[in-house]
Amino acid sequence: MAGEPLKAEPVLGAGFDPAFVPGITGPTPAPAQAEPVSKEPSEPPGSPDVETTGEAPAEAVAEAPEEDLDASPESADGDGPVFEAADRRARIVADRRGVRLSLDEEACEFRWDEIAAVETETARFGKRYTVTVHTPDRRWFPIEIEATARARFKEWDEQLDAVLDAYFEEA
């Protein structure tokens, strides 16, 4: 069998996710250490020492789907213009504190002094509104928001421009 070439099996999924190819990605981080378990018995949920308020726990409230996934001009941060847009996966908030982007479980926050520029772009077709935050060290962080209608683009541009005019100062 010296004359036959070796046949390698194709790696399925490598074209879509580099993590499927061994050696390309680094090792996975070690899991965080759990807190030590108390040796005292825990009280049952219906014990008399536990207050019952009839409200849902915070975890259940956080997982509840949002009613309005588009823009909301109100802010709990105080006076001044606020831009907020969200869809089922992504969210952008721009207010007096800066710009906050989140996609699924990932999030980042930029103070106004950390931002060199904010750029918006709309898709020629479809309903995607892209906001890109540029930093002074030539990095950029884009996020796409799926609008319910293309008519929202003009409204979002006006709201974001009002926030940028109020808080963003070019050096």
N, C-alpha and C. Protein backbone atom coordinates (compact mmCIF):
# COMPACT_ATOMS: atom_id res chain seq x y z
N MET A 1 0.80 -1.17 0.00
CA MET A 1 0.00 0.00 0.00
C MET A 1 0.86 1.25 0.00
N ALA A 2 2.05 1.14 -0.45
CA ALA A 2 2.94 2.28 -0.46
C ALA A 2 2.56 3.28 -1.53
N GLY A 3 1.85 2.88 -2.57
CA GLY A 3 1.52 3.78 -3.65
C GLY A 3 0.22 4.55 -3.46
N GLU A 4 -0.60 4.22 -2.47
CA GLU A 4 -1.89 4.89 -2.29
C GLU A 4 -1.72 6.13 -1.41
N PRO A 5 -2.32 7.27 -1.84
CA PRO A 5 -2.23 8.48 -1.00
C PRO A 5 -3.19 8.36 0.19
N LEU A 6 -2.85 9.05 1.24
CA LEU A 6 -3.70 9.07 2.43
C LEU A 6 -4.93 9.92 2.16
N LYS A 7 -6.07 9.47 2.59
CA LYS A 7 -7.30 10.22 2.42
C LYS A 7 -7.70 10.81 3.77
N ALA A 8 -7.85 12.11 3.79
CA ALA A 8 -8.28 12.79 5.02
C ALA A 8 -9.77 13.03 4.95
N GLU A 9 -10.44 12.82 6.05
CA GLU A 9 -11.87 13.08 6.09
C GLU A 9 -12.08 14.58 6.22
N PRO A 10 -13.07 15.12 5.51
CA PRO A 10 -13.33 16.56 5.64
C PRO A 10 -13.86 16.87 7.04
N VAL A 11 -13.51 18.06 7.50
CA VAL A 11 -13.98 18.51 8.80
C VAL A 11 -15.30 19.23 8.57
N LEU A 12 -16.37 18.64 9.05
CA LEU A 12 -17.68 19.23 8.85
C LEU A 12 -17.85 20.46 9.73
N GLY A 13 -18.38 21.50 9.15
CA GLY A 13 -18.65 22.71 9.92
C GLY A 13 -17.50 23.69 9.96
N ALA A 14 -16.34 23.35 9.43
CA ALA A 14 -15.19 24.24 9.52
C ALA A 14 -15.41 25.51 8.71
N GLY A 15 -16.20 25.43 7.65
CA GLY A 15 -16.47 26.63 6.86
C GLY A 15 -17.37 27.61 7.58
N PHE A 16 -18.11 27.14 8.55
CA PHE A 16 -19.02 28.01 9.28
C PHE A 16 -18.49 28.43 10.64
N ASP A 17 -17.73 27.56 11.28
CA ASP A 17 -17.26 27.85 12.63
C ASP A 17 -15.84 27.33 12.79
N PRO A 18 -14.84 28.22 12.94
CA PRO A 18 -13.45 27.78 13.08
C PRO A 18 -13.22 26.93 14.32
N ALA A 19 -14.12 26.96 15.28
CA ALA A 19 -13.94 26.17 16.49
C ALA A 19 -14.03 24.68 16.21
N PHE A 20 -14.56 24.29 15.05
CA PHE A 20 -14.65 22.88 14.70
C PHE A 20 -13.28 22.30 14.32
N VAL A 21 -12.32 23.16 13.96
CA VAL A 21 -11.00 22.67 13.56
C VAL A 21 -10.11 22.66 14.79
N PRO A 22 -9.60 21.50 15.19
CA PRO A 22 -8.77 21.44 16.39
C PRO A 22 -7.50 22.26 16.23
N GLY A 23 -7.13 23.00 17.26
CA GLY A 23 -5.89 23.75 17.26
C GLY A 23 -6.04 25.20 16.81
N ILE A 24 -7.15 25.57 16.17
CA ILE A 24 -7.29 26.94 15.72
C ILE A 24 -7.67 27.85 16.88
N THR A 25 -8.56 27.40 17.71
CA THR A 25 -8.98 28.23 18.84
C THR A 25 -8.20 27.83 20.08
N GLY A 26 -8.12 28.76 21.01
CA GLY A 26 -7.41 28.50 22.25
C GLY A 26 -8.21 27.60 23.17
N PRO A 27 -7.61 27.20 24.26
CA PRO A 27 -8.33 26.34 25.20
C PRO A 27 -9.48 27.10 25.84
N THR A 28 -10.50 26.38 26.23
CA THR A 28 -11.63 27.01 26.90
C THR A 28 -11.23 27.40 28.31
N PRO A 29 -11.75 28.53 28.80
CA PRO A 29 -11.38 28.97 30.14
C PRO A 29 -11.94 28.01 31.19
N ALA A 30 -11.22 27.95 32.31
CA ALA A 30 -11.66 27.08 33.40
C ALA A 30 -12.94 27.63 33.99
N PRO A 31 -13.85 26.77 34.41
CA PRO A 31 -15.09 27.27 35.00
C PRO A 31 -14.81 28.00 36.31
N ALA A 32 -15.63 28.99 36.58
CA ALA A 32 -15.46 29.77 37.82
C ALA A 32 -15.74 28.87 39.02
N GLN A 33 -15.01 29.12 40.08
CA GLN A 33 -15.18 28.30 41.26
C GLN A 33 -16.49 28.65 41.95
N ALA A 34 -17.20 27.65 42.35
CA ALA A 34 -18.48 27.86 43.02
C ALA A 34 -18.24 28.26 44.47
N GLU A 35 -19.22 28.98 45.02
CA GLU A 35 -19.12 29.38 46.42
C GLU A 35 -19.23 28.14 47.30
N PRO A 36 -18.57 28.14 48.46
CA PRO A 36 -18.68 26.98 49.34
C PRO A 36 -20.12 26.78 49.79
N VAL A 37 -20.50 25.54 49.90
CA VAL A 37 -21.86 25.20 50.29
C VAL A 37 -21.96 25.24 51.81
N SER A 38 -23.01 25.89 52.28
CA SER A 38 -23.23 25.99 53.72
C SER A 38 -23.68 24.63 54.25
N LYS A 39 -23.19 24.29 55.43
CA LYS A 39 -23.58 23.00 56.03
C LYS A 39 -24.90 23.11 56.79
N GLU A 40 -25.41 24.35 56.93
CA GLU A 40 -26.69 24.52 57.60
C GLU A 40 -27.81 24.20 56.62
N PRO A 41 -28.86 23.56 57.09
CA PRO A 41 -29.97 23.25 56.18
C PRO A 41 -30.67 24.52 55.74
N SER A 42 -31.05 24.56 54.49
CA SER A 42 -31.77 25.73 53.99
C SER A 42 -33.23 25.61 54.35
N GLU A 43 -33.88 26.77 54.45
CA GLU A 43 -35.28 26.77 54.80
C GLU A 43 -36.12 26.46 53.58
N PRO A 44 -37.23 25.76 53.75
CA PRO A 44 -38.10 25.50 52.60
C PRO A 44 -38.73 26.80 52.12
N PRO A 45 -39.14 26.87 50.84
CA PRO A 45 -39.66 28.11 50.28
C PRO A 45 -40.88 28.65 51.00
N GLY A 46 -41.66 27.84 51.64
CA GLY A 46 -42.88 28.32 52.30
C GLY A 46 -42.69 28.60 53.78
N SER A 47 -41.45 28.76 54.26
CA SER A 47 -41.21 28.95 55.68
C SER A 47 -41.74 30.31 56.13
N PRO A 48 -42.09 30.45 57.41
CA PRO A 48 -42.69 31.69 57.89
C PRO A 48 -41.70 32.85 57.91
N ASP A 49 -40.37 32.61 57.92
CA ASP A 49 -39.41 33.70 57.97
C ASP A 49 -39.24 34.39 56.61
N VAL A 50 -39.67 33.76 55.54
CA VAL A 50 -39.50 34.33 54.21
C VAL A 50 -40.69 35.20 53.87
N GLU A 51 -40.42 36.44 53.45
CA GLU A 51 -41.50 37.33 53.09
C GLU A 51 -42.09 36.92 51.75
N THR A 52 -43.38 36.97 51.64
CA THR A 52 -44.03 36.72 50.37
C THR A 52 -44.74 37.99 49.95
N THR A 53 -44.32 38.53 48.82
CA THR A 53 -44.89 39.79 48.35
C THR A 53 -45.82 39.59 47.18
N GLY A 54 -45.84 38.41 46.60
CA GLY A 54 -46.70 38.18 45.46
C GLY A 54 -46.09 38.66 44.15
N GLU A 55 -44.86 39.17 44.20
CA GLU A 55 -44.20 39.64 42.98
C GLU A 55 -43.37 38.51 42.39
N ALA A 56 -43.15 38.59 41.10
CA ALA A 56 -42.33 37.59 40.43
C ALA A 56 -40.87 37.81 40.79
N PRO A 57 -40.07 36.76 40.86
CA PRO A 57 -38.66 36.95 41.15
C PRO A 57 -37.97 37.71 40.02
N ALA A 58 -36.83 38.32 40.35
CA ALA A 58 -36.12 39.15 39.38
C ALA A 58 -35.70 38.36 38.15
N GLU A 59 -35.33 37.08 38.33
CA GLU A 59 -34.90 36.28 37.18
C GLU A 59 -36.05 36.09 36.20
N ALA A 60 -37.25 35.88 36.70
CA ALA A 60 -38.40 35.68 35.82
C ALA A 60 -38.75 36.96 35.09
N VAL A 61 -38.59 38.10 35.76
CA VAL A 61 -38.88 39.37 35.12
C VAL A 61 -37.86 39.66 34.02
N ALA A 62 -36.59 39.34 34.27
CA ALA A 62 -35.54 39.61 33.29
C ALA A 62 -35.71 38.76 32.04
N GLU A 63 -36.28 37.57 32.16
CA GLU A 63 -36.43 36.69 31.01
C GLU A 63 -37.72 36.92 30.25
N ALA A 64 -38.60 37.76 30.77
CA ALA A 64 -39.87 38.01 30.09
C ALA A 64 -39.63 38.75 28.79
N PRO A 65 -40.34 38.41 27.71
CA PRO A 65 -40.14 39.11 26.45
C PRO A 65 -40.59 40.56 26.56
N GLU A 66 -39.92 41.42 25.81
CA GLU A 66 -40.25 42.84 25.86
C GLU A 66 -41.44 43.12 24.97
N GLU A 67 -42.27 44.04 25.43
CA GLU A 67 -43.46 44.40 24.68
C GLU A 67 -43.08 45.27 23.48
N ASP A 68 -42.37 46.38 23.74
CA ASP A 68 -42.01 47.31 22.68
C ASP A 68 -40.53 47.13 22.37
N LEU A 69 -40.23 46.59 21.21
CA LEU A 69 -38.84 46.31 20.87
C LEU A 69 -38.20 47.42 20.06
N ASP A 70 -38.91 48.50 19.79
CA ASP A 70 -38.33 49.57 18.99
C ASP A 70 -37.74 50.65 19.89
N ALA A 71 -38.00 51.89 19.63
CA ALA A 71 -37.37 52.98 20.35
C ALA A 71 -38.23 53.44 21.51
N SER A 72 -37.56 53.90 22.55
CA SER A 72 -38.24 54.44 23.71
C SER A 72 -37.50 55.68 24.15
N PRO A 73 -38.07 56.89 23.96
CA PRO A 73 -37.34 58.11 24.27
C PRO A 73 -37.23 58.42 25.75
N GLU A 74 -37.96 57.75 26.62
CA GLU A 74 -37.88 58.05 28.04
C GLU A 74 -36.65 57.40 28.65
N SER A 75 -36.09 58.05 29.65
CA SER A 75 -34.92 57.50 30.32
C SER A 75 -35.02 57.74 31.81
N ALA A 76 -34.49 56.81 32.57
CA ALA A 76 -34.45 56.97 34.02
C ALA A 76 -33.19 57.72 34.44
N ASP A 77 -32.34 58.07 33.47
CA ASP A 77 -31.08 58.72 33.79
C ASP A 77 -31.23 60.21 34.07
N GLY A 78 -32.36 60.79 33.79
CA GLY A 78 -32.55 62.20 34.06
C GLY A 78 -32.96 62.94 32.80
N ASP A 79 -32.71 64.25 32.83
CA ASP A 79 -33.10 65.10 31.72
C ASP A 79 -32.17 64.91 30.53
N GLY A 80 -32.66 65.33 29.39
CA GLY A 80 -31.85 65.27 28.18
C GLY A 80 -32.35 64.23 27.22
N PRO A 81 -31.92 64.34 25.97
CA PRO A 81 -32.37 63.39 24.96
C PRO A 81 -31.79 62.00 25.17
N VAL A 82 -32.55 61.00 24.75
CA VAL A 82 -32.14 59.61 24.88
C VAL A 82 -32.51 58.90 23.59
N PHE A 83 -31.60 58.06 23.11
CA PHE A 83 -31.90 57.20 21.96
C PHE A 83 -31.82 55.76 22.44
N GLU A 84 -32.87 55.01 22.14
CA GLU A 84 -32.87 53.60 22.49
C GLU A 84 -33.59 52.84 21.39
N ALA A 85 -32.93 51.81 20.88
CA ALA A 85 -33.54 50.95 19.86
C ALA A 85 -33.12 49.52 20.17
N ALA A 86 -34.05 48.59 19.93
CA ALA A 86 -33.76 47.20 20.22
C ALA A 86 -34.58 46.30 19.32
N ASP A 87 -34.07 45.11 19.11
CA ASP A 87 -34.84 44.06 18.47
C ASP A 87 -34.71 42.82 19.33
N ARG A 88 -34.97 41.66 18.77
CA ARG A 88 -34.98 40.45 19.60
C ARG A 88 -33.60 40.07 20.10
N ARG A 89 -32.52 40.53 19.46
CA ARG A 89 -31.17 40.16 19.87
C ARG A 89 -30.31 41.34 20.28
N ALA A 90 -30.47 42.47 19.65
CA ALA A 90 -29.54 43.60 19.83
C ALA A 90 -30.24 44.79 20.49
N ARG A 91 -29.44 45.62 21.15
CA ARG A 91 -29.95 46.84 21.78
C ARG A 91 -28.84 47.89 21.74
N ILE A 92 -29.26 49.13 21.49
CA ILE A 92 -28.36 50.27 21.61
C ILE A 92 -29.06 51.35 22.42
N VAL A 93 -28.31 51.93 23.34
CA VAL A 93 -28.82 53.02 24.17
C VAL A 93 -27.75 54.11 24.15
N ALA A 94 -28.18 55.34 23.82
CA ALA A 94 -27.28 56.50 23.86
C ALA A 94 -27.97 57.56 24.71
N ASP A 95 -27.29 57.99 25.76
CA ASP A 95 -27.84 59.01 26.64
C ASP A 95 -26.68 59.82 27.22
N ARG A 96 -26.93 60.52 28.32
CA ARG A 96 -25.90 61.40 28.87
C ARG A 96 -24.67 60.64 29.37
N ARG A 97 -24.83 59.35 29.70
CA ARG A 97 -23.69 58.55 30.18
C ARG A 97 -22.79 58.08 29.06
N GLY A 98 -23.31 57.95 27.84
CA GLY A 98 -22.53 57.45 26.72
C GLY A 98 -23.37 56.55 25.84
N VAL A 99 -22.68 55.61 25.19
CA VAL A 99 -23.35 54.69 24.28
C VAL A 99 -23.13 53.27 24.79
N ARG A 100 -24.22 52.51 24.87
CA ARG A 100 -24.14 51.12 25.31
C ARG A 100 -24.71 50.23 24.21
N LEU A 101 -23.92 49.23 23.82
CA LEU A 101 -24.32 48.27 22.81
C LEU A 101 -24.42 46.90 23.45
N SER A 102 -25.41 46.12 23.05
CA SER A 102 -25.48 44.75 23.54
C SER A 102 -26.05 43.86 22.44
N LEU A 103 -25.50 42.68 22.35
CA LEU A 103 -25.94 41.67 21.39
C LEU A 103 -25.96 40.35 22.13
N ASP A 104 -27.12 39.76 22.25
CA ASP A 104 -27.32 38.53 23.01
C ASP A 104 -26.80 38.75 24.44
N GLU A 105 -25.80 37.98 24.87
CA GLU A 105 -25.28 38.13 26.23
C GLU A 105 -24.08 39.06 26.30
N GLU A 106 -23.57 39.52 25.17
CA GLU A 106 -22.39 40.39 25.14
C GLU A 106 -22.82 41.85 25.20
N ALA A 107 -22.03 42.67 25.90
CA ALA A 107 -22.36 44.08 26.00
C ALA A 107 -21.07 44.90 26.14
N CYS A 108 -21.12 46.14 25.67
CA CYS A 108 -20.00 47.05 25.85
C CYS A 108 -20.57 48.45 26.06
N GLU A 109 -19.79 49.27 26.76
CA GLU A 109 -20.22 50.62 27.09
C GLU A 109 -19.10 51.59 26.77
N PHE A 110 -19.46 52.71 26.17
CA PHE A 110 -18.49 53.75 25.82
C PHE A 110 -18.94 55.05 26.44
N ARG A 111 -18.03 55.69 27.21
CA ARG A 111 -18.30 57.04 27.69
C ARG A 111 -18.06 57.98 26.52
N TRP A 112 -18.59 59.19 26.60
CA TRP A 112 -18.47 60.12 25.49
C TRP A 112 -17.02 60.48 25.20
N ASP A 113 -16.15 60.49 26.21
CA ASP A 113 -14.74 60.81 25.95
C ASP A 113 -13.98 59.65 25.29
N GLU A 114 -14.59 58.47 25.21
CA GLU A 114 -13.98 57.32 24.55
C GLU A 114 -14.42 57.15 23.10
N ILE A 115 -15.26 58.06 22.61
CA ILE A 115 -15.84 57.91 21.28
C ILE A 115 -15.25 58.95 20.34
N ALA A 116 -14.77 58.51 19.18
CA ALA A 116 -14.26 59.42 18.15
C ALA A 116 -15.36 59.79 17.18
N ALA A 117 -16.25 58.86 16.85
CA ALA A 117 -17.35 59.11 15.92
C ALA A 117 -18.43 58.07 16.10
N VAL A 118 -19.64 58.44 15.71
CA VAL A 118 -20.77 57.52 15.67
C VAL A 118 -21.36 57.61 14.27
N GLU A 119 -21.46 56.48 13.63
CA GLU A 119 -21.92 56.43 12.23
C GLU A 119 -23.18 55.57 12.14
N THR A 120 -24.12 55.99 11.30
CA THR A 120 -25.32 55.19 11.06
C THR A 120 -25.38 54.83 9.59
N GLU A 121 -26.00 53.70 9.33
CA GLU A 121 -26.15 53.23 7.96
C GLU A 121 -27.44 52.42 7.88
N THR A 122 -28.14 52.57 6.78
CA THR A 122 -29.35 51.79 6.57
C THR A 122 -29.14 50.88 5.38
N ALA A 123 -29.76 49.73 5.44
CA ALA A 123 -29.66 48.78 4.34
C ALA A 123 -30.48 49.29 3.16
N ARG A 124 -29.98 49.04 1.96
CA ARG A 124 -30.71 49.47 0.78
C ARG A 124 -32.03 48.72 0.67
N PHE A 125 -31.97 47.45 0.97
CA PHE A 125 -33.16 46.61 1.02
C PHE A 125 -33.25 46.01 2.41
N GLY A 126 -34.42 45.76 2.86
CA GLY A 126 -34.56 45.19 4.19
C GLY A 126 -34.78 46.26 5.22
N LYS A 127 -34.72 45.85 6.49
CA LYS A 127 -35.04 46.77 7.59
C LYS A 127 -33.93 46.80 8.63
N ARG A 128 -32.68 46.72 8.20
CA ARG A 128 -31.57 46.75 9.16
C ARG A 128 -30.99 48.15 9.28
N TYR A 129 -30.86 48.58 10.51
CA TYR A 129 -30.30 49.88 10.85
C TYR A 129 -29.00 49.61 11.59
N THR A 130 -27.89 50.08 11.05
CA THR A 130 -26.58 49.81 11.63
C THR A 130 -26.03 51.06 12.28
N VAL A 131 -25.60 50.94 13.52
CA VAL A 131 -24.92 52.01 14.25
C VAL A 131 -23.52 51.50 14.54
N THR A 132 -22.52 52.31 14.17
CA THR A 132 -21.12 51.95 14.40
C THR A 132 -20.47 53.00 15.29
N VAL A 133 -19.88 52.56 16.39
CA VAL A 133 -19.15 53.44 17.31
C VAL A 133 -17.67 53.30 16.99
N HIS A 134 -17.02 54.42 16.66
CA HIS A 134 -15.59 54.45 16.37
C HIS A 134 -14.85 55.03 17.57
N THR A 135 -13.72 54.41 17.94
CA THR A 135 -12.92 54.89 19.06
C THR A 135 -11.67 55.59 18.53
N PRO A 136 -11.01 56.41 19.35
CA PRO A 136 -9.81 57.12 18.88
C PRO A 136 -8.66 56.20 18.46
N ASP A 137 -8.61 54.97 18.97
CA ASP A 137 -7.53 54.06 18.59
C ASP A 137 -7.88 53.24 17.35
N ARG A 138 -8.75 53.79 16.51
CA ARG A 138 -9.11 53.21 15.21
C ARG A 138 -9.79 51.85 15.29
N ARG A 139 -10.56 51.65 16.29
CA ARG A 139 -11.39 50.44 16.39
C ARG A 139 -12.83 50.86 16.18
N TRP A 140 -13.63 49.94 15.69
CA TRP A 140 -15.04 50.25 15.51
C TRP A 140 -15.88 49.07 15.95
N PHE A 141 -17.07 49.42 16.43
CA PHE A 141 -17.97 48.44 17.00
C PHE A 141 -19.36 48.64 16.39
N PRO A 142 -19.69 47.84 15.36
CA PRO A 142 -21.01 47.98 14.73
C PRO A 142 -22.06 47.11 15.40
N ILE A 143 -23.29 47.54 15.31
CA ILE A 143 -24.42 46.74 15.78
C ILE A 143 -25.59 46.99 14.84
N GLU A 144 -26.31 45.93 14.50
CA GLU A 144 -27.45 46.03 13.60
C GLU A 144 -28.73 45.83 14.40
N ILE A 145 -29.70 46.70 14.15
CA ILE A 145 -31.01 46.61 14.76
C ILE A 145 -32.02 46.34 13.65
N GLU A 146 -32.86 45.36 13.84
CA GLU A 146 -33.91 45.04 12.87
C GLU A 146 -35.13 45.90 13.22
N ALA A 147 -35.52 46.79 12.31
CA ALA A 147 -36.66 47.67 12.54
C ALA A 147 -37.96 46.96 12.17
N THR A 148 -39.05 47.43 12.75
CA THR A 148 -40.35 46.87 12.39
C THR A 148 -40.78 47.39 11.03
N ALA A 149 -40.31 48.58 10.66
CA ALA A 149 -40.63 49.16 9.36
C ALA A 149 -39.50 50.12 8.97
N ARG A 150 -39.31 50.30 7.66
CA ARG A 150 -38.27 51.20 7.19
C ARG A 150 -38.53 52.65 7.60
N ALA A 151 -39.77 52.98 7.90
CA ALA A 151 -40.11 54.34 8.33
C ALA A 151 -39.44 54.70 9.65
N ARG A 152 -39.04 53.72 10.44
CA ARG A 152 -38.38 53.98 11.72
C ARG A 152 -36.98 54.57 11.54
N PHE A 153 -36.34 54.35 10.39
CA PHE A 153 -34.97 54.82 10.17
C PHE A 153 -34.86 56.33 10.36
N LYS A 154 -35.78 57.10 9.76
CA LYS A 154 -35.72 58.56 9.87
C LYS A 154 -35.92 58.99 11.32
N GLU A 155 -36.87 58.37 12.01
CA GLU A 155 -37.12 58.68 13.41
C GLU A 155 -35.89 58.38 14.27
N TRP A 156 -35.27 57.22 14.03
CA TRP A 156 -34.08 56.86 14.80
C TRP A 156 -32.92 57.81 14.51
N ASP A 157 -32.75 58.21 13.24
CA ASP A 157 -31.69 59.16 12.90
C ASP A 157 -31.88 60.48 13.65
N GLU A 158 -33.11 60.97 13.69
CA GLU A 158 -33.39 62.22 14.37
C GLU A 158 -33.12 62.11 15.87
N GLN A 159 -33.54 61.00 16.49
CA GLN A 159 -33.31 60.81 17.92
C GLN A 159 -31.83 60.70 18.23
N LEU A 160 -31.09 59.94 17.42
CA LEU A 160 -29.66 59.78 17.66
C LEU A 160 -28.92 61.10 17.42
N ASP A 161 -29.31 61.86 16.40
CA ASP A 161 -28.69 63.17 16.16
C ASP A 161 -28.91 64.10 17.33
N ALA A 162 -30.09 64.07 17.93
CA ALA A 162 -30.36 64.93 19.09
C ALA A 162 -29.45 64.56 20.26
N VAL A 163 -29.23 63.28 20.48
CA VAL A 163 -28.34 62.83 21.56
C VAL A 163 -26.90 63.24 21.25
N LEU A 164 -26.46 63.04 20.02
CA LEU A 164 -25.08 63.40 19.65
C LEU A 164 -24.87 64.91 19.76
N ASP A 165 -25.84 65.69 19.34
CA ASP A 165 -25.72 67.15 19.45
C ASP A 165 -25.63 67.60 20.90
N ALA A 166 -26.35 66.92 21.79
CA ALA A 166 -26.37 67.31 23.19
C ALA A 166 -25.12 66.87 23.96
N TYR A 167 -24.57 65.70 23.67
CA TYR A 167 -23.53 65.13 24.53
C TYR A 167 -22.17 64.95 23.88
N PHE A 168 -22.14 64.76 22.58
CA PHE A 168 -20.87 64.44 21.92
C PHE A 168 -20.14 65.70 21.54
N GLU A 169 -18.89 65.82 21.99
CA GLU A 169 -18.07 66.97 21.66
C GLU A 169 -16.85 66.50 20.90
N GLU A 170 -16.67 67.02 19.70
CA GLU A 170 -15.49 66.63 18.92
C GLU A 170 -14.29 67.39 19.46
N ALA A 171 -13.17 66.70 19.59
CA ALA A 171 -11.96 67.31 20.13
C ALA A 171 -11.28 68.17 19.11
